[in-house]
Amino acid sequence: RDGTDVSAAFISGAHAALALCQQQNIKLALLK
């Protein structure tokens, strides 16, 4: 809300989630 760019954290988190899905052979994800 105050204009701080948090894109890098979101991208890093997305890649961590993808890595976990790939390691565990996850094909479906329930998200918010």
PDB file of all heavy atoms in Angstrom:
ATOM      1  N   ARG A   1       0.827  -1.208   0.000  1.00  0.00           N
ATOM      2  CA  ARG A   1       0.000   0.000   0.000  1.00  0.00           C
ATOM      3  C   ARG A   1       0.866   1.265   0.000  1.00  0.00           C
ATOM      4  O   ARG A   1       0.524   2.263  -0.608  1.00  0.00           O
ATOM      5  CB  ARG A   1      -0.944   0.004   1.196  1.00  0.00           C
ATOM      6  CG  ARG A   1      -1.921   1.171   1.186  1.00  0.00           C
ATOM      7  CD  ARG A   1      -2.919   1.099   2.326  1.00  0.00           C
ATOM      8  NE  ARG A   1      -3.831  -0.024   2.227  1.00  0.00           N
ATOM      9  CZ  ARG A   1      -4.953  -0.042   1.513  1.00  0.00           C
ATOM     10  NH1 ARG A   1      -5.282   1.009   0.812  1.00  0.00           N
ATOM     11  NH2 ARG A   1      -5.725  -1.101   1.490  1.00  0.00           N
ATOM     12  N   ASP A   2       2.038   1.215   0.661  1.00  0.00           N
ATOM     13  CA  ASP A   2       2.902   2.403   0.705  1.00  0.00           C
ATOM     14  C   ASP A   2       3.856   2.493  -0.495  1.00  0.00           C
ATOM     15  O   ASP A   2       4.708   3.376  -0.552  1.00  0.00           O
ATOM     16  CB  ASP A   2       3.667   2.486   2.022  1.00  0.00           C
ATOM     17  CG  ASP A   2       4.741   1.415   2.181  1.00  0.00           C
ATOM     18  OD1 ASP A   2       4.988   0.633   1.238  1.00  0.00           O
ATOM     19  OD2 ASP A   2       5.348   1.350   3.264  1.00  0.00           O
ATOM     20  N   GLY A   3       3.710   1.559  -1.458  1.00  0.00           N
ATOM     21  CA  GLY A   3       4.500   1.626  -2.688  1.00  0.00           C
ATOM     22  C   GLY A   3       5.781   0.821  -2.692  1.00  0.00           C
ATOM     23  O   GLY A   3       6.531   0.859  -3.669  1.00  0.00           O
ATOM     24  N   THR A   4       6.051   0.076  -1.629  1.00  0.00           N
ATOM     25  CA  THR A   4       7.247  -0.753  -1.593  1.00  0.00           C
ATOM     26  C   THR A   4       7.114  -1.901  -2.587  1.00  0.00           C
ATOM     27  O   THR A   4       6.101  -2.606  -2.599  1.00  0.00           O
ATOM     28  CB  THR A   4       7.471  -1.320  -0.170  1.00  0.00           C
ATOM     29  OG1 THR A   4       7.553  -0.231   0.750  1.00  0.00           O
ATOM     30  CG2 THR A   4       8.729  -2.159  -0.102  1.00  0.00           C
ATOM     31  N   ASP A   5       8.128  -2.081  -3.415  1.00  0.00           N
ATOM     32  CA  ASP A   5       8.136  -3.149  -4.415  1.00  0.00           C
ATOM     33  C   ASP A   5       8.566  -4.457  -3.756  1.00  0.00           C
ATOM     34  O   ASP A   5       9.704  -4.582  -3.295  1.00  0.00           O
ATOM     35  CB  ASP A   5       9.092  -2.784  -5.543  1.00  0.00           C
ATOM     36  CG  ASP A   5       9.061  -3.764  -6.707  1.00  0.00           C
ATOM     37  OD1 ASP A   5       8.543  -4.886  -6.556  1.00  0.00           O
ATOM     38  OD2 ASP A   5       9.586  -3.401  -7.775  1.00  0.00           O
ATOM     39  N   VAL A   6       7.662  -5.417  -3.692  1.00  0.00           N
ATOM     40  CA  VAL A   6       7.945  -6.722  -3.094  1.00  0.00           C
ATOM     41  C   VAL A   6       7.910  -7.835  -4.151  1.00  0.00           C
ATOM     42  O   VAL A   6       7.779  -9.007  -3.823  1.00  0.00           O
ATOM     43  CB  VAL A   6       6.978  -7.025  -1.920  1.00  0.00           C
ATOM     44  CG1 VAL A   6       7.250  -6.090  -0.741  1.00  0.00           C
ATOM     45  CG2 VAL A   6       5.523  -6.905  -2.364  1.00  0.00           C
ATOM     46  N   SER A   7       8.069  -7.443  -5.398  1.00  0.00           N
ATOM     47  CA  SER A   7       7.995  -8.400  -6.509  1.00  0.00           C
ATOM     48  C   SER A   7       9.005  -9.529  -6.361  1.00  0.00           C
ATOM     49  O   SER A   7       8.675 -10.696  -6.595  1.00  0.00           O
ATOM     50  CB  SER A   7       8.236  -7.681  -7.842  1.00  0.00           C
ATOM     51  OG  SER A   7       7.313  -6.646  -8.024  1.00  0.00           O
ATOM     52  N   ALA A   8      10.243  -9.202  -6.007  1.00  0.00           N
ATOM     53  CA  ALA A   8      11.288 -10.225  -5.907  1.00  0.00           C
ATOM     54  C   ALA A   8      10.909 -11.308  -4.902  1.00  0.00           C
ATOM     55  O   ALA A   8      11.129 -12.500  -5.155  1.00  0.00           O
ATOM     56  CB  ALA A   8      12.624  -9.589  -5.533  1.00  0.00           C
ATOM     57  N   ALA A   9      10.309 -10.918  -3.784  1.00  0.00           N
ATOM     58  CA  ALA A   9       9.892 -11.908  -2.782  1.00  0.00           C
ATOM     59  C   ALA A   9       8.779 -12.797  -3.326  1.00  0.00           C
ATOM     60  O   ALA A   9       8.780 -14.015  -3.093  1.00  0.00           O
ATOM     61  CB  ALA A   9       9.437 -11.199  -1.508  1.00  0.00           C
ATOM     62  N   PHE A  10       7.842 -12.217  -4.058  1.00  0.00           N
ATOM     63  CA  PHE A  10       6.751 -13.008  -4.642  1.00  0.00           C
ATOM     64  C   PHE A  10       7.284 -13.966  -5.701  1.00  0.00           C
ATOM     65  O   PHE A  10       6.867 -15.129  -5.775  1.00  0.00           O
ATOM     66  CB  PHE A  10       5.668 -12.089  -5.218  1.00  0.00           C
ATOM     67  CG  PHE A  10       4.666 -11.646  -4.202  1.00  0.00           C
ATOM     68  CD1 PHE A  10       4.985 -10.663  -3.277  1.00  0.00           C
ATOM     69  CD2 PHE A  10       3.406 -12.217  -4.136  1.00  0.00           C
ATOM     70  CE1 PHE A  10       4.073 -10.251  -2.323  1.00  0.00           C
ATOM     71  CE2 PHE A  10       2.482 -11.812  -3.188  1.00  0.00           C
ATOM     72  CZ  PHE A  10       2.814 -10.820  -2.276  1.00  0.00           C
ATOM     73  N   ILE A  11       8.207 -13.515  -6.518  1.00  0.00           N
ATOM     74  CA  ILE A  11       8.790 -14.374  -7.553  1.00  0.00           C
ATOM     75  C   ILE A  11       9.592 -15.497  -6.911  1.00  0.00           C
ATOM     76  O   ILE A  11       9.488 -16.659  -7.307  1.00  0.00           O
ATOM     77  CB  ILE A  11       9.643 -13.546  -8.534  1.00  0.00           C
ATOM     78  CG1 ILE A  11       8.729 -12.615  -9.341  1.00  0.00           C
ATOM     79  CG2 ILE A  11      10.461 -14.451  -9.446  1.00  0.00           C
ATOM     80  CD1 ILE A  11       9.471 -11.553 -10.142  1.00  0.00           C
ATOM     81  N   SER A  12      10.376 -15.164  -5.897  1.00  0.00           N
ATOM     82  CA  SER A  12      11.158 -16.178  -5.187  1.00  0.00           C
ATOM     83  C   SER A  12      10.242 -17.225  -4.544  1.00  0.00           C
ATOM     84  O   SER A  12      10.494 -18.436  -4.637  1.00  0.00           O
ATOM     85  CB  SER A  12      12.018 -15.503  -4.116  1.00  0.00           C
ATOM     86  OG  SER A  12      12.721 -16.452  -3.363  1.00  0.00           O
ATOM     87  N   GLY A  13       9.175 -16.767  -3.914  1.00  0.00           N
ATOM     88  CA  GLY A  13       8.216 -17.692  -3.306  1.00  0.00           C
ATOM     89  C   GLY A  13       7.539 -18.583  -4.334  1.00  0.00           C
ATOM     90  O   GLY A  13       7.323 -19.774  -4.093  1.00  0.00           O
ATOM     91  N   ALA A  14       7.221 -18.015  -5.490  1.00  0.00           N
ATOM     92  CA  ALA A  14       6.601 -18.798  -6.565  1.00  0.00           C
ATOM     93  C   ALA A  14       7.541 -19.899  -7.041  1.00  0.00           C
ATOM     94  O   ALA A  14       7.118 -21.050  -7.241  1.00  0.00           O
ATOM     95  CB  ALA A  14       6.218 -17.882  -7.728  1.00  0.00           C
ATOM     96  N   HIS A  15       8.812 -19.560  -7.193  1.00  0.00           N
ATOM     97  CA  HIS A  15       9.782 -20.569  -7.633  1.00  0.00           C
ATOM     98  C   HIS A  15      10.006 -21.640  -6.568  1.00  0.00           C
ATOM     99  O   HIS A  15      10.183 -22.820  -6.907  1.00  0.00           O
ATOM    100  CB  HIS A  15      11.089 -19.906  -8.060  1.00  0.00           C
ATOM    101  CG  HIS A  15      11.006 -19.279  -9.415  1.00  0.00           C
ATOM    102  ND1 HIS A  15      11.060 -20.005 -10.581  1.00  0.00           N
ATOM    103  CD2 HIS A  15      10.820 -17.990  -9.779  1.00  0.00           C
ATOM    104  CE1 HIS A  15      10.933 -19.195 -11.615  1.00  0.00           C
ATOM    105  NE2 HIS A  15      10.781 -17.957 -11.159  1.00  0.00           N
ATOM    106  N   ALA A  16       9.974 -21.261  -5.305  1.00  0.00           N
ATOM    107  CA  ALA A  16      10.091 -22.252  -4.221  1.00  0.00           C
ATOM    108  C   ALA A  16       8.896 -23.199  -4.232  1.00  0.00           C
ATOM    109  O   ALA A  16       9.053 -24.418  -4.074  1.00  0.00           O
ATOM    110  CB  ALA A  16      10.206 -21.541  -2.870  1.00  0.00           C
ATOM    111  N   ALA A  17       7.692 -22.653  -4.450  1.00  0.00           N
ATOM    112  CA  ALA A  17       6.493 -23.498  -4.528  1.00  0.00           C
ATOM    113  C   ALA A  17       6.573 -24.441  -5.722  1.00  0.00           C
ATOM    114  O   ALA A  17       6.237 -25.625  -5.607  1.00  0.00           O
ATOM    115  CB  ALA A  17       5.237 -22.633  -4.618  1.00  0.00           C
ATOM    116  N   LEU A  18       7.030 -23.922  -6.860  1.00  0.00           N
ATOM    117  CA  LEU A  18       7.178 -24.766  -8.047  1.00  0.00           C
ATOM    118  C   LEU A  18       8.179 -25.887  -7.799  1.00  0.00           C
ATOM    119  O   LEU A  18       7.920 -27.044  -8.140  1.00  0.00           O
ATOM    120  CB  LEU A  18       7.609 -23.929  -9.252  1.00  0.00           C
ATOM    121  CG  LEU A  18       7.921 -24.726 -10.516  1.00  0.00           C
ATOM    122  CD1 LEU A  18       6.697 -25.488 -11.017  1.00  0.00           C
ATOM    123  CD2 LEU A  18       8.474 -23.791 -11.596  1.00  0.00           C
ATOM    124  N   ALA A  19       9.311 -25.561  -7.183  1.00  0.00           N
ATOM    125  CA  ALA A  19      10.324 -26.588  -6.905  1.00  0.00           C
ATOM    126  C   ALA A  19       9.758 -27.686  -6.018  1.00  0.00           C
ATOM    127  O   ALA A  19       9.980 -28.876  -6.268  1.00  0.00           O
ATOM    128  CB  ALA A  19      11.552 -25.947  -6.253  1.00  0.00           C
ATOM    129  N   LEU A  20       8.996 -27.303  -4.991  1.00  0.00           N
ATOM    130  CA  LEU A  20       8.385 -28.290  -4.102  1.00  0.00           C
ATOM    131  C   LEU A  20       7.387 -29.164  -4.865  1.00  0.00           C
ATOM    132  O   LEU A  20       7.372 -30.390  -4.706  1.00  0.00           O
ATOM    133  CB  LEU A  20       7.700 -27.590  -2.934  1.00  0.00           C
ATOM    134  CG  LEU A  20       7.035 -28.493  -1.907  1.00  0.00           C
ATOM    135  CD1 LEU A  20       8.053 -29.413  -1.244  1.00  0.00           C
ATOM    136  CD2 LEU A  20       6.323 -27.653  -0.863  1.00  0.00           C
ATOM    137  N   CYS A  21       6.565 -28.528  -5.698  1.00  0.00           N
ATOM    138  CA  CYS A  21       5.596 -29.291  -6.495  1.00  0.00           C
ATOM    139  C   CYS A  21       6.306 -30.283  -7.406  1.00  0.00           C
ATOM    140  O   CYS A  21       5.881 -31.435  -7.537  1.00  0.00           O
ATOM    141  CB  CYS A  21       4.725 -28.354  -7.326  1.00  0.00           C
ATOM    142  SG  CYS A  21       3.528 -27.415  -6.351  1.00  0.00           S
ATOM    143  N   GLN A  22       7.389 -29.849  -8.018  1.00  0.00           N
ATOM    144  CA  GLN A  22       8.126 -30.735  -8.925  1.00  0.00           C
ATOM    145  C   GLN A  22       8.805 -31.865  -8.159  1.00  0.00           C
ATOM    146  O   GLN A  22       8.797 -33.007  -8.601  1.00  0.00           O
ATOM    147  CB  GLN A  22       9.131 -29.929  -9.740  1.00  0.00           C
ATOM    148  CG  GLN A  22       8.456 -29.036 -10.755  1.00  0.00           C
ATOM    149  CD  GLN A  22       9.398 -28.094 -11.477  1.00  0.00           C
ATOM    150  OE1 GLN A  22      10.423 -27.668 -10.934  1.00  0.00           O
ATOM    151  NE2 GLN A  22       9.048 -27.753 -12.700  1.00  0.00           N
ATOM    152  N   GLN A  23       9.376 -31.562  -6.991  1.00  0.00           N
ATOM    153  CA  GLN A  23      10.027 -32.594  -6.177  1.00  0.00           C
ATOM    154  C   GLN A  23       9.039 -33.653  -5.708  1.00  0.00           C
ATOM    155  O   GLN A  23       9.366 -34.835  -5.636  1.00  0.00           O
ATOM    156  CB  GLN A  23      10.692 -31.972  -4.945  1.00  0.00           C
ATOM    157  CG  GLN A  23      11.907 -31.159  -5.235  1.00  0.00           C
ATOM    158  CD  GLN A  23      12.359 -30.347  -4.022  1.00  0.00           C
ATOM    159  OE1 GLN A  23      11.734 -30.379  -2.964  1.00  0.00           O
ATOM    160  NE2 GLN A  23      13.441 -29.610  -4.190  1.00  0.00           N
ATOM    161  N   GLN A  24       7.828 -33.232  -5.397  1.00  0.00           N
ATOM    162  CA  GLN A  24       6.812 -34.132  -4.854  1.00  0.00           C
ATOM    163  C   GLN A  24       5.855 -34.651  -5.927  1.00  0.00           C
ATOM    164  O   GLN A  24       4.877 -35.309  -5.608  1.00  0.00           O
ATOM    165  CB  GLN A  24       6.027 -33.428  -3.751  1.00  0.00           C
ATOM    166  CG  GLN A  24       6.886 -32.995  -2.575  1.00  0.00           C
ATOM    167  CD  GLN A  24       7.520 -34.171  -1.861  1.00  0.00           C
ATOM    168  OE1 GLN A  24       6.893 -35.211  -1.661  1.00  0.00           O
ATOM    169  NE2 GLN A  24       8.776 -34.029  -1.490  1.00  0.00           N
ATOM    170  N   ASN A  25       6.109 -34.309  -7.183  1.00  0.00           N
ATOM    171  CA  ASN A  25       5.280 -34.727  -8.311  1.00  0.00           C
ATOM    172  C   ASN A  25       3.814 -34.293  -8.132  1.00  0.00           C
ATOM    173  O   ASN A  25       2.884 -35.046  -8.424  1.00  0.00           O
ATOM    174  CB  ASN A  25       5.380 -36.236  -8.534  1.00  0.00           C
ATOM    175  CG  ASN A  25       4.912 -36.638  -9.918  1.00  0.00           C
ATOM    176  OD1 ASN A  25       5.040 -35.867 -10.871  1.00  0.00           O
ATOM    177  ND2 ASN A  25       4.365 -37.835 -10.044  1.00  0.00           N
ATOM    178  N   ILE A  26       3.634 -33.080  -7.662  1.00  0.00           N
ATOM    179  CA  ILE A  26       2.299 -32.528  -7.437  1.00  0.00           C
ATOM    180  C   ILE A  26       1.734 -32.021  -8.756  1.00  0.00           C
ATOM    181  O   ILE A  26       2.400 -31.289  -9.483  1.00  0.00           O
ATOM    182  CB  ILE A  26       2.355 -31.409  -6.375  1.00  0.00           C
ATOM    183  CG1 ILE A  26       2.711 -32.030  -5.027  1.00  0.00           C
ATOM    184  CG2 ILE A  26       1.052 -30.623  -6.330  1.00  0.00           C
ATOM    185  CD1 ILE A  26       3.023 -31.027  -3.943  1.00  0.00           C
ATOM    186  N   LYS A  27       0.510 -32.401  -9.070  1.00  0.00           N
ATOM    187  CA  LYS A  27      -0.139 -32.022 -10.330  1.00  0.00           C
ATOM    188  C   LYS A  27      -1.316 -31.086 -10.148  1.00  0.00           C
ATOM    189  O   LYS A  27      -1.796 -30.487 -11.099  1.00  0.00           O
ATOM    190  CB  LYS A  27      -0.613 -33.280 -11.079  1.00  0.00           C
ATOM    191  CG  LYS A  27       0.494 -34.266 -11.379  1.00  0.00           C
ATOM    192  CD  LYS A  27       1.506 -33.682 -12.324  1.00  0.00           C
ATOM    193  CE  LYS A  27       2.588 -34.700 -12.638  1.00  0.00           C
ATOM    194  NZ  LYS A  27       3.764 -34.090 -13.209  1.00  0.00           N
ATOM    195  N   LEU A  28      -1.834 -30.970  -8.901  1.00  0.00           N
ATOM    196  CA  LEU A  28      -2.971 -30.110  -8.581  1.00  0.00           C
ATOM    197  C   LEU A  28      -2.613 -29.281  -7.355  1.00  0.00           C
ATOM    198  O   LEU A  28      -1.994 -29.792  -6.429  1.00  0.00           O
ATOM    199  CB  LEU A  28      -4.210 -30.942  -8.248  1.00  0.00           C
ATOM    200  CG  LEU A  28      -4.701 -31.961  -9.258  1.00  0.00           C
ATOM    201  CD1 LEU A  28      -5.772 -32.839  -8.636  1.00  0.00           C
ATOM    202  CD2 LEU A  28      -5.234 -31.262 -10.487  1.00  0.00           C
ATOM    203  N   ALA A  29      -3.038 -28.009  -7.356  1.00  0.00           N
ATOM    204  CA  ALA A  29      -2.760 -27.157  -6.194  1.00  0.00           C
ATOM    205  C   ALA A  29      -4.022 -26.390  -5.806  1.00  0.00           C
ATOM    206  O   ALA A  29      -4.706 -25.831  -6.660  1.00  0.00           O
ATOM    207  CB  ALA A  29      -1.639 -26.184  -6.515  1.00  0.00           C
ATOM    208  N   LEU A  30      -4.317 -26.379  -4.517  1.00  0.00           N
ATOM    209  CA  LEU A  30      -5.421 -25.603  -3.974  1.00  0.00           C
ATOM    210  C   LEU A  30      -4.832 -24.330  -3.380  1.00  0.00           C
ATOM    211  O   LEU A  30      -4.020 -24.386  -2.452  1.00  0.00           O
ATOM    212  CB  LEU A  30      -6.171 -26.401  -2.904  1.00  0.00           C
ATOM    213  CG  LEU A  30      -7.321 -25.669  -2.212  1.00  0.00           C
ATOM    214  CD1 LEU A  30      -8.407 -25.283  -3.216  1.00  0.00           C
ATOM    215  CD2 LEU A  30      -7.895 -26.545  -1.106  1.00  0.00           C
ATOM    216  N   LEU A  31      -5.215 -23.183  -3.933  1.00  0.00           N
ATOM    217  CA  LEU A  31      -4.635 -21.904  -3.562  1.00  0.00           C
ATOM    218  C   LEU A  31      -5.712 -20.948  -3.044  1.00  0.00           C
ATOM    219  O   LEU A  31      -6.897 -21.270  -3.051  1.00  0.00           O
ATOM    220  CB  LEU A  31      -3.918 -21.300  -4.774  1.00  0.00           C
ATOM    221  CG  LEU A  31      -2.853 -22.200  -5.416  1.00  0.00           C
ATOM    222  CD1 LEU A  31      -2.340 -21.581  -6.703  1.00  0.00           C
ATOM    223  CD2 LEU A  31      -1.718 -22.460  -4.452  1.00  0.00           C
ATOM    224  N   LYS A  32      -5.313 -19.752  -2.606  1.00  0.00           N
ATOM    225  CA  LYS A  32      -6.218 -18.761  -2.023  1.00  0.00           C
ATOM    226  C   LYS A  32      -6.728 -17.788  -3.087  1.00  0.00           C
ATOM    227  O   LYS A  32      -5.946 -17.141  -3.762  1.00  0.00           O
ATOM    228  CB  LYS A  32      -5.479 -17.990  -0.914  1.00  0.00           C
ATOM    229  CG  LYS A  32      -6.303 -16.898  -0.273  1.00  0.00           C
ATOM    230  CD  LYS A  32      -7.461 -17.474   0.496  1.00  0.00           C
ATOM    231  CE  LYS A  32      -8.331 -16.367   1.076  1.00  0.00           C
ATOM    232  NZ  LYS A  32      -9.728 -16.520   0.760  1.00  0.00           N
TER     233      LYS A  32
END
